[in-house]
Amino acid sequence: MMETDKSWNWYHEQWGKPTYEDSKLFQLLTIGIFQVGLNWKMIAGKRDVFAKYFYDYDVERVAAILPDEIEVMLKDSDMIKNERKINATINDAQAVLAIQKDFGSFSNYLWKFVNDKPLVNEYTERDEVPTSSELSKAVAVDMKKHGFTYVGPIVMYMFMKAGGMVQDNVLNE
């Protein structure tokens, strides 16, 4: 099995499981940021590359990444060469640190939006499942107030689904 397949399998197996560990939530957010405009399976397959450059998703270390480290990332053929997304990840790590101070953890902050339990939605058909919701819009707005970037309603909906905060069940599958 290729390394990319292992990374994708991890994401596929993680998808939808309630996640409370800050570093895993940050990892899912990072993957969500890089997924914008790109194929999700390809991005999930880059998990190990992201782990290499984002210090195994250590929020404090990512928040302190310097410009010369960004230059090294941009020269790696395996890395997604989008400086805006790299900077957004660093910025969002800094925002996570502020959230941790204010809420005790990134997890506490996020899970309060769903009253600390997964929000379960049921749909009859796959095409009924939305790509965003009023909740994801509210979360995106609040996260932007806390300094996050690349966190629009669609990214937040997918992130909340990946982290198990929102579970969309399709009955006819």
Protein backbone atom coordinates (compact mmCIF):
# COMPACT_ATOMS: atom_id res chain seq x y z
CA MET A 1 0.00 0.00 0.00
CA MET A 2 1.33 3.40 -0.92
CA GLU A 3 1.91 6.05 1.78
CA THR A 4 -0.78 8.22 0.16
CA ASP A 5 -3.28 5.35 0.46
CA LYS A 6 -2.47 4.94 4.17
CA SER A 7 -3.02 8.65 4.73
CA TRP A 8 -6.30 8.57 2.85
CA ASN A 9 -7.42 5.49 4.78
CA TRP A 10 -6.72 7.27 8.06
CA TYR A 11 -8.91 10.19 6.99
CA HIS A 12 -11.65 7.87 5.74
CA GLU A 13 -11.60 5.92 9.03
CA GLN A 14 -11.48 9.12 11.12
CA TRP A 15 -14.35 10.73 9.22
CA GLY A 16 -17.40 11.31 11.40
CA LYS A 17 -15.93 10.02 14.66
CA PRO A 18 -16.42 12.43 17.55
CA THR A 19 -13.01 14.03 18.00
CA TYR A 20 -12.01 15.88 21.17
CA GLU A 21 -8.22 16.04 20.99
CA ASP A 22 -7.04 19.52 19.99
CA SER A 23 -4.18 18.30 17.81
CA LYS A 24 -6.49 15.98 15.85
CA LEU A 25 -9.03 18.77 15.43
CA PHE A 26 -6.26 21.04 14.21
CA GLN A 27 -5.15 18.31 11.83
CA LEU A 28 -8.69 18.04 10.40
CA LEU A 29 -8.88 21.82 10.09
CA THR A 30 -5.55 21.88 8.27
CA ILE A 31 -6.72 19.23 5.82
CA GLY A 32 -9.96 21.19 5.35
CA ILE A 33 -8.06 24.40 4.59
CA PHE A 34 -5.87 22.70 2.00
CA GLN A 35 -8.85 20.93 0.46
CA VAL A 36 -10.47 24.20 -0.67
CA GLY A 37 -10.68 24.03 -4.46
CA LEU A 38 -8.86 20.70 -4.65
CA ASN A 39 -9.67 16.98 -4.57
CA TRP A 40 -10.30 15.85 -0.99
CA LYS A 41 -8.79 12.40 -1.51
CA MET A 42 -5.56 13.91 -2.84
CA ILE A 43 -5.38 16.32 0.11
CA ALA A 44 -6.13 13.57 2.64
CA GLY A 45 -3.26 11.68 1.03
CA LYS A 46 -0.94 14.59 1.89
CA ARG A 47 -1.47 14.11 5.62
CA ASP A 48 2.09 12.89 6.19
CA VAL A 49 3.57 15.78 4.20
CA PHE A 50 1.52 18.21 6.29
CA ALA A 51 2.60 16.39 9.45
CA LYS A 52 6.23 16.84 8.43
CA TYR A 53 5.98 20.59 7.89
CA PHE A 54 3.38 21.29 10.56
CA TYR A 55 5.28 19.41 13.29
CA ASP A 56 2.78 16.58 13.67
CA TYR A 57 0.07 19.23 14.10
CA ASP A 58 1.67 20.66 17.24
CA VAL A 59 -0.28 23.92 17.45
CA GLU A 60 2.38 25.85 19.38
CA ARG A 61 5.12 24.92 16.94
CA VAL A 62 2.97 25.67 13.89
CA ALA A 63 2.01 29.06 15.35
CA ALA A 64 5.73 29.91 15.49
CA ILE A 65 6.69 28.88 11.93
CA LEU A 66 9.04 31.44 10.37
CA PRO A 67 9.21 32.70 6.77
CA ASP A 68 12.32 30.65 5.98
CA GLU A 69 10.43 27.48 6.96
CA ILE A 70 7.65 28.46 4.55
CA GLU A 71 10.25 28.81 1.78
CA VAL A 72 11.45 25.25 2.46
CA MET A 73 7.84 23.97 2.26
CA LEU A 74 7.27 25.73 -1.04
CA LYS A 75 10.32 24.00 -2.56
CA ASP A 76 9.13 20.48 -1.67
CA SER A 77 7.51 18.77 -4.67
CA ASP A 78 5.20 16.80 -2.35
CA MET A 79 3.83 19.89 -0.60
CA ILE A 80 0.81 21.82 -1.84
CA LYS A 81 2.45 25.03 -2.99
CA ASN A 82 -0.19 27.48 -1.89
CA GLU A 83 1.40 30.12 0.30
CA ARG A 84 -2.01 31.53 1.27
CA LYS A 85 -3.10 28.16 2.66
CA ILE A 86 0.22 27.67 4.44
CA ASN A 87 -0.09 31.11 6.03
CA ALA A 88 -3.73 30.41 6.90
CA THR A 89 -2.64 27.25 8.72
CA ILE A 90 -0.03 29.18 10.70
CA ASN A 91 -2.51 31.96 11.44
CA ASP A 92 -5.15 29.46 12.50
CA ALA A 93 -2.66 27.76 14.85
CA GLN A 94 -2.20 31.16 16.50
CA ALA A 95 -5.99 31.51 16.73
CA VAL A 96 -6.23 28.02 18.29
CA LEU A 97 -3.75 29.10 20.99
CA ALA A 98 -5.93 32.11 21.81
CA ILE A 99 -9.04 29.89 21.87
CA GLN A 100 -7.29 27.49 24.24
CA LYS A 101 -6.62 30.36 26.64
CA ASP A 102 -10.22 31.59 26.47
CA PHE A 103 -12.06 28.24 26.45
CA GLY A 104 -9.62 25.77 28.00
CA SER A 105 -9.26 23.88 24.72
CA PHE A 106 -10.06 24.12 21.03
CA SER A 107 -12.35 21.13 21.57
CA ASN A 108 -14.38 22.91 24.26
CA TYR A 109 -14.85 25.87 21.94
CA LEU A 110 -15.98 23.77 18.98
CA TRP A 111 -18.20 21.31 20.78
CA LYS A 112 -20.18 24.11 22.48
CA PHE A 113 -21.75 24.81 19.08
CA VAL A 114 -23.49 21.41 19.21
CA ASN A 115 -24.14 21.37 22.97
CA ASP A 116 -21.32 18.85 23.51
CA LYS A 117 -22.95 16.03 21.53
CA PRO A 118 -23.02 15.15 17.84
CA LEU A 119 -25.80 16.77 15.86
CA VAL A 120 -27.41 13.93 13.89
CA ASN A 121 -29.28 14.72 10.68
CA GLU A 122 -31.18 12.18 8.61
CA TYR A 123 -31.80 12.42 4.90
CA THR A 124 -33.63 10.11 2.54
CA GLU A 125 -31.26 10.52 -0.41
CA ARG A 126 -27.56 11.48 -0.76
CA ASP A 127 -28.39 14.57 -2.85
CA GLU A 128 -30.36 16.02 0.07
CA VAL A 129 -27.23 16.32 2.22
CA PRO A 130 -26.23 20.00 2.30
CA THR A 131 -22.73 21.38 1.82
CA SER A 132 -23.31 23.99 4.54
CA SER A 133 -25.91 24.86 7.14
CA GLU A 134 -27.01 27.71 9.37
CA LEU A 135 -24.83 26.15 12.06
CA SER A 136 -21.74 26.05 9.85
CA LYS A 137 -22.38 29.67 8.86
CA ALA A 138 -22.59 30.67 12.52
CA VAL A 139 -19.43 28.71 13.38
CA ALA A 140 -17.57 30.30 10.44
CA VAL A 141 -18.60 33.80 11.53
CA ASP A 142 -17.57 33.14 15.13
CA MET A 143 -14.25 31.60 14.14
CA LYS A 144 -13.48 34.59 11.92
CA LYS A 145 -14.18 36.85 14.92
CA HIS A 146 -11.52 34.82 16.75
CA GLY A 147 -9.00 35.40 13.97
CA PHE A 148 -9.32 32.24 11.86
CA THR A 149 -9.02 32.36 8.07
CA TYR A 150 -10.17 29.98 5.32
CA VAL A 151 -13.12 28.99 7.50
CA GLY A 152 -16.20 29.64 5.37
CA PRO A 153 -19.50 27.81 5.88
CA ILE A 154 -18.66 24.95 3.49
CA VAL A 155 -15.21 24.34 5.00
CA MET A 156 -16.73 24.45 8.48
CA TYR A 157 -19.52 22.04 7.57
CA MET A 158 -17.05 19.51 6.20
CA PHE A 159 -14.73 20.06 9.17
CA MET A 160 -17.57 19.53 11.64
CA LYS A 161 -18.57 16.36 9.78
CA ALA A 162 -14.97 15.11 9.72
CA GLY A 163 -14.67 15.71 13.49
CA GLY A 164 -18.01 14.03 14.25
CA MET A 165 -19.76 17.16 15.50
CA VAL A 166 -22.28 16.85 12.66
CA GLN A 167 -23.37 13.45 11.37
CA ASP A 168 -25.42 13.30 8.20
CA ASN A 169 -27.04 9.90 7.80
CA VAL A 170 -28.58 8.89 4.48
CA LEU A 171 -31.33 6.32 4.95
CA ASN A 172 -31.45 4.95 1.39
CA GLU A 173 -27.83 3.87 1.02
